Amino acid sequence: MGLNYVHIPVEWDAPTTPQFDFFADVMESLDGERVWVHCMVNMRVTVFVYLYRVLRRGVDRETAWRDVTAVWQPNDTWSAFIAEVSTP
């Protein structure tokens, strides 16, 4: 079917910046392609996509954040992760 599969295991309580960086690099390598991003409960991926859109694609935070909060309100672990990745 011409599909590529990239597995990026992310522990719920321990997301890491290198995992996000790898995700963002994969997404950039597929620019212009149709991409299906999957997460079991759609929470981890909403944060990764949010960060990718804001940090790599230049989408304004408010717009991107609405898509996150439509799915969930990140807990303390994920809020700290967002702050960590967002800080240069």
PDB file of N, CA and C in Angstrom:
ATOM      1  N   MET A   1       0.809  -1.193   0.000  1.00  0.00           N
ATOM      2  CA  MET A   1       0.000   0.000   0.000  1.00  0.00           C
ATOM      3  C   MET A   1       0.854   1.259   0.000  1.00  0.00           C
ATOM      4  N   GLY A   2       2.151   1.103   0.095  1.00  0.00           N
ATOM      5  CA  GLY A   2       3.019   2.274   0.056  1.00  0.00           C
ATOM      6  C   GLY A   2       3.060   3.065   1.347  1.00  0.00           C
ATOM      7  N   LEU A   3       2.691   2.431   2.440  1.00  0.00           N
ATOM      8  CA  LEU A   3       2.691   3.117   3.728  1.00  0.00           C
ATOM      9  C   LEU A   3       4.028   2.952   4.435  1.00  0.00           C
ATOM     10  N   ASN A   4       4.425   3.991   5.131  1.00  0.00           N
ATOM     11  CA  ASN A   4       5.579   3.906   6.019  1.00  0.00           C
ATOM     12  C   ASN A   4       5.053   3.934   7.432  1.00  0.00           C
ATOM     13  N   TYR A   5       5.698   3.208   8.320  1.00  0.00           N
ATOM     14  CA  TYR A   5       5.288   3.165   9.717  1.00  0.00           C
ATOM     15  C   TYR A   5       6.472   3.576  10.575  1.00  0.00           C
ATOM     16  N   VAL A   6       6.262   4.563  11.417  1.00  0.00           N
ATOM     17  CA  VAL A   6       7.307   5.005  12.344  1.00  0.00           C
ATOM     18  C   VAL A   6       6.723   4.919  13.739  1.00  0.00           C
ATOM     19  N   HIS A   7       7.292   4.085  14.572  1.00  0.00           N
ATOM     20  CA  HIS A   7       6.825   3.897  15.943  1.00  0.00           C
ATOM     21  C   HIS A   7       7.690   4.742  16.873  1.00  0.00           C
ATOM     22  N   ILE A   8       7.052   5.600  17.643  1.00  0.00           N
ATOM     23  CA  ILE A   8       7.768   6.419  18.620  1.00  0.00           C
ATOM     24  C   ILE A   8       7.127   6.140  19.977  1.00  0.00           C
ATOM     25  N   PRO A   9       7.661   5.180  20.707  1.00  0.00           N
ATOM     26  CA  PRO A   9       7.071   4.855  22.007  1.00  0.00           C
ATOM     27  C   PRO A   9       7.325   5.975  23.017  1.00  0.00           C
ATOM     28  N   VAL A  10       6.258   6.428  23.646  1.00  0.00           N
ATOM     29  CA  VAL A  10       6.344   7.500  24.637  1.00  0.00           C
ATOM     30  C   VAL A  10       5.608   7.038  25.881  1.00  0.00           C
ATOM     31  N   GLU A  11       6.339   6.881  26.975  1.00  0.00           N
ATOM     32  CA  GLU A  11       5.698   6.495  28.231  1.00  0.00           C
ATOM     33  C   GLU A  11       4.831   7.643  28.714  1.00  0.00           C
ATOM     34  N   TRP A  12       3.634   7.315  29.169  1.00  0.00           N
ATOM     35  CA  TRP A  12       2.663   8.319  29.583  1.00  0.00           C
ATOM     36  C   TRP A  12       3.237   9.288  30.609  1.00  0.00           C
ATOM     37  N   ASP A  13       3.952   8.780  31.592  1.00  0.00           N
ATOM     38  CA  ASP A  13       4.469   9.622  32.676  1.00  0.00           C
ATOM     39  C   ASP A  13       5.879  10.135  32.432  1.00  0.00           C
ATOM     40  N   ALA A  14       6.424   9.906  31.251  1.00  0.00           N
ATOM     41  CA  ALA A  14       7.823  10.286  31.047  1.00  0.00           C
ATOM     42  C   ALA A  14       8.138  10.663  29.602  1.00  0.00           C
ATOM     43  N   PRO A  15       7.411  11.633  29.025  1.00  0.00           N
ATOM     44  CA  PRO A  15       7.770  12.067  27.666  1.00  0.00           C
ATOM     45  C   PRO A  15       9.115  12.786  27.692  1.00  0.00           C
ATOM     46  N   THR A  16       9.855  12.682  26.584  1.00  0.00           N
ATOM     47  CA  THR A  16      11.173  13.314  26.548  1.00  0.00           C
ATOM     48  C   THR A  16      11.314  14.240  25.344  1.00  0.00           C
ATOM     49  N   THR A  17      12.181  15.209  25.481  1.00  0.00           N
ATOM     50  CA  THR A  17      12.461  16.127  24.381  1.00  0.00           C
ATOM     51  C   THR A  17      13.005  15.389  23.161  1.00  0.00           C
ATOM     52  N   PRO A  18      13.927  14.427  23.324  1.00  0.00           N
ATOM     53  CA  PRO A  18      14.394  13.693  22.131  1.00  0.00           C
ATOM     54  C   PRO A  18      13.260  12.970  21.390  1.00  0.00           C
ATOM     55  N   GLN A  19      12.276  12.480  22.113  1.00  0.00           N
ATOM     56  CA  GLN A  19      11.138  11.840  21.448  1.00  0.00           C
ATOM     57  C   GLN A  19      10.378  12.866  20.609  1.00  0.00           C
ATOM     58  N   PHE A  20      10.154  14.048  21.179  1.00  0.00           N
ATOM     59  CA  PHE A  20       9.480  15.094  20.408  1.00  0.00           C
ATOM     60  C   PHE A  20      10.332  15.496  19.205  1.00  0.00           C
ATOM     61  N   ASP A  21      11.623  15.688  19.407  1.00  0.00           N
ATOM     62  CA  ASP A  21      12.500  16.087  18.304  1.00  0.00           C
ATOM     63  C   ASP A  21      12.451  15.067  17.168  1.00  0.00           C
ATOM     64  N   PHE A  22      12.450  13.787  17.518  1.00  0.00           N
ATOM     65  CA  PHE A  22      12.373  12.743  16.505  1.00  0.00           C
ATOM     66  C   PHE A  22      11.034  12.826  15.771  1.00  0.00           C
ATOM     67  N   PHE A  23       9.942  12.977  16.532  1.00  0.00           N
ATOM     68  CA  PHE A  23       8.618  13.137  15.935  1.00  0.00           C
ATOM     69  C   PHE A  23       8.600  14.313  14.956  1.00  0.00           C
ATOM     70  N   ALA A  24       9.095  15.459  15.388  1.00  0.00           N
ATOM     71  CA  ALA A  24       9.092  16.666  14.547  1.00  0.00           C
ATOM     72  C   ALA A  24       9.953  16.465  13.304  1.00  0.00           C
ATOM     73  N   ASP A  25      11.097  15.810  13.453  1.00  0.00           N
ATOM     74  CA  ASP A  25      11.948  15.538  12.291  1.00  0.00           C
ATOM     75  C   ASP A  25      11.246  14.624  11.286  1.00  0.00           C
ATOM     76  N   VAL A  26      10.554  13.607  11.791  1.00  0.00           N
ATOM     77  CA  VAL A  26       9.803  12.711  10.904  1.00  0.00           C
ATOM     78  C   VAL A  26       8.715  13.501  10.185  1.00  0.00           C
ATOM     79  N   MET A  27       7.985  14.319  10.927  1.00  0.00           N
ATOM     80  CA  MET A  27       6.926  15.115  10.305  1.00  0.00           C
ATOM     81  C   MET A  27       7.490  16.039   9.228  1.00  0.00           C
ATOM     82  N   GLU A  28       8.612  16.673   9.509  1.00  0.00           N
ATOM     83  CA  GLU A  28       9.225  17.556   8.508  1.00  0.00           C
ATOM     84  C   GLU A  28       9.690  16.784   7.288  1.00  0.00           C
ATOM     85  N   SER A  29      10.155  15.565   7.486  1.00  0.00           N
ATOM     86  CA  SER A  29      10.613  14.768   6.348  1.00  0.00           C
ATOM     87  C   SER A  29       9.450  14.358   5.455  1.00  0.00           C
ATOM     88  N   LEU A  30       8.247  14.421   5.981  1.00  0.00           N
ATOM     89  CA  LEU A  30       7.057  14.034   5.232  1.00  0.00           C
ATOM     90  C   LEU A  30       6.251  15.239   4.762  1.00  0.00           C
ATOM     91  N   ASP A  31       6.853  16.411   4.790  1.00  0.00           N
ATOM     92  CA  ASP A  31       6.163  17.636   4.393  1.00  0.00           C
ATOM     93  C   ASP A  31       5.550  17.466   3.005  1.00  0.00           C
ATOM     94  N   GLY A  32       4.278  17.793   2.895  1.00  0.00           N
ATOM     95  CA  GLY A  32       3.577  17.655   1.623  1.00  0.00           C
ATOM     96  C   GLY A  32       2.928  16.292   1.429  1.00  0.00           C
ATOM     97  N   GLU A  33       3.226  15.349   2.307  1.00  0.00           N
ATOM     98  CA  GLU A  33       2.646  14.007   2.237  1.00  0.00           C
ATOM     99  C   GLU A  33       1.421  13.927   3.139  1.00  0.00           C
ATOM    100  N   ARG A  34       0.554  12.981   2.860  1.00  0.00           N
ATOM    101  CA  ARG A  34      -0.543  12.687   3.776  1.00  0.00           C
ATOM    102  C   ARG A  34       0.041  11.875   4.923  1.00  0.00           C
ATOM    103  N   VAL A  35      -0.289  12.287   6.156  1.00  0.00           N
ATOM    104  CA  VAL A  35       0.261  11.628   7.339  1.00  0.00           C
ATOM    105  C   VAL A  35      -0.879  11.284   8.288  1.00  0.00           C
ATOM    106  N   TRP A  36      -0.848  10.072   8.785  1.00  0.00           N
ATOM    107  CA  TRP A  36      -1.799   9.665   9.812  1.00  0.00           C
ATOM    108  C   TRP A  36      -0.998   9.479  11.085  1.00  0.00           C
ATOM    109  N   VAL A  37      -1.323  10.263  12.096  1.00  0.00           N
ATOM    110  CA  VAL A  37      -0.635  10.180  13.384  1.00  0.00           C
ATOM    111  C   VAL A  37      -1.613   9.552  14.362  1.00  0.00           C
ATOM    112  N   HIS A  38      -1.167   8.515  15.034  1.00  0.00           N
ATOM    113  CA  HIS A  38      -2.060   7.756  15.912  1.00  0.00           C
ATOM    114  C   HIS A  38      -1.507   7.687  17.327  1.00  0.00           C
ATOM    115  N   CYS A  39      -2.410   7.787  18.274  1.00  0.00           N
ATOM    116  CA  CYS A  39      -2.092   7.594  19.690  1.00  0.00           C
ATOM    117  C   CYS A  39      -3.306   6.893  20.302  1.00  0.00           C
ATOM    118  N   MET A  40      -3.065   5.978  21.192  1.00  0.00           N
ATOM    119  CA  MET A  40      -4.139   5.155  21.762  1.00  0.00           C
ATOM    120  C   MET A  40      -5.321   5.986  22.272  1.00  0.00           C
ATOM    121  N   VAL A  41      -5.065   7.042  23.011  1.00  0.00           N
ATOM    122  CA  VAL A  41      -6.157   7.858  23.547  1.00  0.00           C
ATOM    123  C   VAL A  41      -6.135   9.278  23.017  1.00  0.00           C
ATOM    124  N   ASN A  42      -5.248   9.553  22.083  1.00  0.00           N
ATOM    125  CA  ASN A  42      -5.165  10.846  21.406  1.00  0.00           C
ATOM    126  C   ASN A  42      -4.724  11.987  22.325  1.00  0.00           C
ATOM    127  N   MET A  43      -4.049  11.678  23.401  1.00  0.00           N
ATOM    128  CA  MET A  43      -3.594  12.731  24.301  1.00  0.00           C
ATOM    129  C   MET A  43      -2.122  13.075  24.061  1.00  0.00           C
ATOM    130  N   ARG A  44      -1.262  12.063  24.084  1.00  0.00           N
ATOM    131  CA  ARG A  44       0.157  12.326  23.830  1.00  0.00           C
ATOM    132  C   ARG A  44       0.341  13.017  22.490  1.00  0.00           C
ATOM    133  N   VAL A  45      -0.339  12.504  21.488  1.00  0.00           N
ATOM    134  CA  VAL A  45      -0.155  13.045  20.138  1.00  0.00           C
ATOM    135  C   VAL A  45      -0.666  14.475  20.018  1.00  0.00           C
ATOM    136  N   THR A  46      -1.706  14.840  20.757  1.00  0.00           N
ATOM    137  CA  THR A  46      -2.168  16.221  20.657  1.00  0.00           C
ATOM    138  C   THR A  46      -1.097  17.182  21.131  1.00  0.00           C
ATOM    139  N   VAL A  47      -0.349  16.799  22.166  1.00  0.00           N
ATOM    140  CA  VAL A  47       0.734  17.660  22.656  1.00  0.00           C
ATOM    141  C   VAL A  47       1.878  17.683  21.652  1.00  0.00           C
ATOM    142  N   PHE A  48       2.260  16.531  21.116  1.00  0.00           N
ATOM    143  CA  PHE A  48       3.343  16.506  20.135  1.00  0.00           C
ATOM    144  C   PHE A  48       2.979  17.328  18.897  1.00  0.00           C
ATOM    145  N   VAL A  49       1.752  17.177  18.406  1.00  0.00           N
ATOM    146  CA  VAL A  49       1.336  17.934  17.228  1.00  0.00           C
ATOM    147  C   VAL A  49       1.254  19.422  17.559  1.00  0.00           C
ATOM    148  N   TYR A  50       0.754  19.757  18.739  1.00  0.00           N
ATOM    149  CA  TYR A  50       0.720  21.158  19.178  1.00  0.00           C
ATOM    150  C   TYR A  50       2.120  21.767  19.130  1.00  0.00           C
ATOM    151  N   LEU A  51       3.072  21.097  19.764  1.00  0.00           N
ATOM    152  CA  LEU A  51       4.442  21.610  19.797  1.00  0.00           C
ATOM    153  C   LEU A  51       5.042  21.697  18.395  1.00  0.00           C
ATOM    154  N   TYR A  52       4.794  20.706  17.577  1.00  0.00           N
ATOM    155  CA  TYR A  52       5.296  20.722  16.203  1.00  0.00           C
ATOM    156  C   TYR A  52       4.729  21.915  15.437  1.00  0.00           C
ATOM    157  N   ARG A  53       3.427  22.102  15.543  1.00  0.00           N
ATOM    158  CA  ARG A  53       2.787  23.205  14.820  1.00  0.00           C
ATOM    159  C   ARG A  53       3.331  24.555  15.270  1.00  0.00           C
ATOM    160  N   VAL A  54       3.481  24.724  16.588  1.00  0.00           N
ATOM    161  CA  VAL A  54       3.935  26.005  17.124  1.00  0.00           C
ATOM    162  C   VAL A  54       5.423  26.234  16.861  1.00  0.00           C
ATOM    163  N   LEU A  55       6.240  25.247  17.198  1.00  0.00           N
ATOM    164  CA  LEU A  55       7.696  25.433  17.147  1.00  0.00           C
ATOM    165  C   LEU A  55       8.299  25.259  15.757  1.00  0.00           C
ATOM    166  N   ARG A  56       7.714  24.411  14.945  1.00  0.00           N
ATOM    167  CA  ARG A  56       8.312  24.133  13.637  1.00  0.00           C
ATOM    168  C   ARG A  56       7.527  24.705  12.460  1.00  0.00           C
ATOM    169  N   ARG A  57       6.220  24.921  12.661  1.00  0.00           N
ATOM    170  CA  ARG A  57       5.387  25.389  11.549  1.00  0.00           C
ATOM    171  C   ARG A  57       4.911  26.833  11.718  1.00  0.00           C
ATOM    172  N   GLY A  58       5.172  27.430  12.882  1.00  0.00           N
ATOM    173  CA  GLY A  58       4.838  28.833  13.093  1.00  0.00           C
ATOM    174  C   GLY A  58       3.370  29.136  13.340  1.00  0.00           C
ATOM    175  N   VAL A  59       2.591  28.128  13.700  1.00  0.00           N
ATOM    176  CA  VAL A  59       1.183  28.359  14.034  1.00  0.00           C
ATOM    177  C   VAL A  59       1.142  29.073  15.380  1.00  0.00           C
ATOM    178  N   ASP A  60       0.233  30.043  15.517  1.00  0.00           N
ATOM    179  CA  ASP A  60       0.183  30.759  16.794  1.00  0.00           C
ATOM    180  C   ASP A  60      -0.332  29.830  17.891  1.00  0.00           C
ATOM    181  N   ARG A  61       0.199  30.034  19.094  1.00  0.00           N
ATOM    182  CA  ARG A  61      -0.073  29.149  20.233  1.00  0.00           C
ATOM    183  C   ARG A  61      -1.564  29.019  20.531  1.00  0.00           C
ATOM    184  N   GLU A  62      -2.282  30.130  20.492  1.00  0.00           N
ATOM    185  CA  GLU A  62      -3.703  30.095  20.832  1.00  0.00           C
ATOM    186  C   GLU A  62      -4.487  29.197  19.896  1.00  0.00           C
ATOM    187  N   THR A  63      -4.241  29.324  18.619  1.00  0.00           N
ATOM    188  CA  THR A  63      -4.926  28.487  17.628  1.00  0.00           C
ATOM    189  C   THR A  63      -4.590  27.017  17.847  1.00  0.00           C
ATOM    190  N   ALA A  64      -3.317  26.720  17.997  1.00  0.00           N
ATOM    191  CA  ALA A  64      -2.889  25.334  18.188  1.00  0.00           C
ATOM    192  C   ALA A  64      -3.399  24.767  19.512  1.00  0.00           C
ATOM    193  N   TRP A  65      -3.445  25.611  20.538  1.00  0.00           N
ATOM    194  CA  TRP A  65      -3.875  25.150  21.866  1.00  0.00           C
ATOM    195  C   TRP A  65      -5.351  24.756  21.862  1.00  0.00           C
ATOM    196  N   ARG A  66      -6.179  25.434  21.080  1.00  0.00           N
ATOM    197  CA  ARG A  66      -7.603  25.077  21.000  1.00  0.00           C
ATOM    198  C   ARG A  66      -7.776  23.627  20.549  1.00  0.00           C
ATOM    199  N   ASP A  67      -6.902  23.177  19.665  1.00  0.00           N
ATOM    200  CA  ASP A  67      -6.994  21.788  19.211  1.00  0.00           C
ATOM    201  C   ASP A  67      -6.620  20.806  20.314  1.00  0.00           C
ATOM    202  N   VAL A  68      -5.703  21.195  21.172  1.00  0.00           N
ATOM    203  CA  VAL A  68      -5.344  20.338  22.312  1.00  0.00           C
ATOM    204  C   VAL A  68      -6.516  20.255  23.280  1.00  0.00           C
ATOM    205  N   THR A  69      -7.028  21.403  23.676  1.00  0.00           N
ATOM    206  CA  THR A  69      -8.077  21.416  24.704  1.00  0.00           C
ATOM    207  C   THR A  69      -9.417  20.881  24.194  1.00  0.00           C
ATOM    208  N   ALA A  70      -9.556  20.732  22.896  1.00  0.00           N
ATOM    209  CA  ALA A  70     -10.745  20.061  22.366  1.00  0.00           C
ATOM    210  C   ALA A  70     -10.716  18.576  22.709  1.00  0.00           C
ATOM    211  N   VAL A  71      -9.517  18.060  22.988  1.00  0.00           N
ATOM    212  CA  VAL A  71      -9.343  16.645  23.307  1.00  0.00           C
ATOM    213  C   VAL A  71      -9.166  16.436  24.812  1.00  0.00           C
ATOM    214  N   TRP A  72      -8.340  17.271  25.440  1.00  0.00           N
ATOM    215  CA  TRP A  72      -8.068  17.102  26.872  1.00  0.00           C
ATOM    216  C   TRP A  72      -7.370  18.324  27.432  1.00  0.00           C
ATOM    217  N   GLN A  73      -7.288  18.385  28.741  1.00  0.00           N
ATOM    218  CA  GLN A  73      -6.526  19.419  29.433  1.00  0.00           C
ATOM    219  C   GLN A  73      -5.281  18.736  29.976  1.00  0.00           C
ATOM    220  N   PRO A  74      -4.096  19.013  29.403  1.00  0.00           N
ATOM    221  CA  PRO A  74      -2.883  18.320  29.844  1.00  0.00           C
ATOM    222  C   PRO A  74      -2.667  18.403  31.354  1.00  0.00           C
ATOM    223  N   ASN A  75      -2.263  17.261  31.908  1.00  0.00           N
ATOM    224  CA  ASN A  75      -1.994  17.170  33.343  1.00  0.00           C
ATOM    225  C   ASN A  75      -0.643  17.807  33.665  1.00  0.00           C
ATOM    226  N   ASP A  76      -0.219  17.699  34.917  1.00  0.00           N
ATOM    227  CA  ASP A  76       1.030  18.331  35.351  1.00  0.00           C
ATOM    228  C   ASP A  76       2.243  17.813  34.570  1.00  0.00           C
ATOM    229  N   THR A  77       2.308  16.508  34.340  1.00  0.00           N
ATOM    230  CA  THR A  77       3.437  15.932  33.600  1.00  0.00           C
ATOM    231  C   THR A  77       3.526  16.523  32.203  1.00  0.00           C
ATOM    232  N   TRP A  78       2.414  16.569  31.508  1.00  0.00           N
ATOM    233  CA  TRP A  78       2.411  17.042  30.129  1.00  0.00           C
ATOM    234  C   TRP A  78       2.526  18.549  30.038  1.00  0.00           C
ATOM    235  N   SER A  79       1.999  19.261  31.018  1.00  0.00           N
ATOM    236  CA  SER A  79       2.174  20.721  31.058  1.00  0.00           C
ATOM    237  C   SER A  79       3.642  21.068  31.252  1.00  0.00           C
ATOM    238  N   ALA A  80       4.321  20.324  32.144  1.00  0.00           N
ATOM    239  CA  ALA A  80       5.754  20.543  32.363  1.00  0.00           C
ATOM    240  C   ALA A  80       6.544  20.201  31.103  1.00  0.00           C
ATOM    241  N   PHE A  81       6.134  19.147  30.414  1.00  0.00           N
ATOM    242  CA  PHE A  81       6.800  18.759  29.169  1.00  0.00           C
ATOM    243  C   PHE A  81       6.660  19.854  28.113  1.00  0.00           C
ATOM    244  N   ILE A  82       5.482  20.415  27.978  1.00  0.00           N
ATOM    245  CA  ILE A  82       5.248  21.505  27.032  1.00  0.00           C
ATOM    246  C   ILE A  82       6.167  22.667  27.360  1.00  0.00           C
ATOM    247  N   ALA A  83       6.250  23.027  28.638  1.00  0.00           N
ATOM    248  CA  ALA A  83       7.119  24.140  29.046  1.00  0.00           C
ATOM    249  C   ALA A  83       8.575  23.842  28.756  1.00  0.00           C
ATOM    250  N   GLU A  84       9.001  22.596  29.031  1.00  0.00           N
ATOM    251  CA  GLU A  84      10.398  22.196  28.797  1.00  0.00           C
ATOM    252  C   GLU A  84      10.762  22.282  27.324  1.00  0.00           C
ATOM    253  N   VAL A  85       9.917  21.740  26.466  1.00  0.00           N
ATOM    254  CA  VAL A  85      10.213  21.728  25.030  1.00  0.00           C
ATOM    255  C   VAL A  85      10.112  23.130  24.441  1.00  0.00           C
ATOM    256  N   SER A  86       9.233  23.939  24.974  1.00  0.00           N
ATOM    257  CA  SER A  86       9.010  25.285  24.442  1.00  0.00           C
ATOM    258  C   SER A  86      10.085  26.293  24.849  1.00  0.00           C
ATOM    259  N   THR A  87      10.873  25.932  25.841  1.00  0.00           N
ATOM    260  CA  THR A  87      11.914  26.848  26.326  1.00  0.00           C
ATOM    261  C   THR A  87      13.202  26.596  25.570  1.00  0.00           C
ATOM    262  N   PRO A  88      13.728  27.649  24.907  1.00  0.00           N
ATOM    263  CA  PRO A  88      14.965  27.457  24.135  1.00  0.00           C
ATOM    264  C   PRO A  88      16.170  27.127  25.005  1.00  0.00           C
TER     265      PRO A  88
END
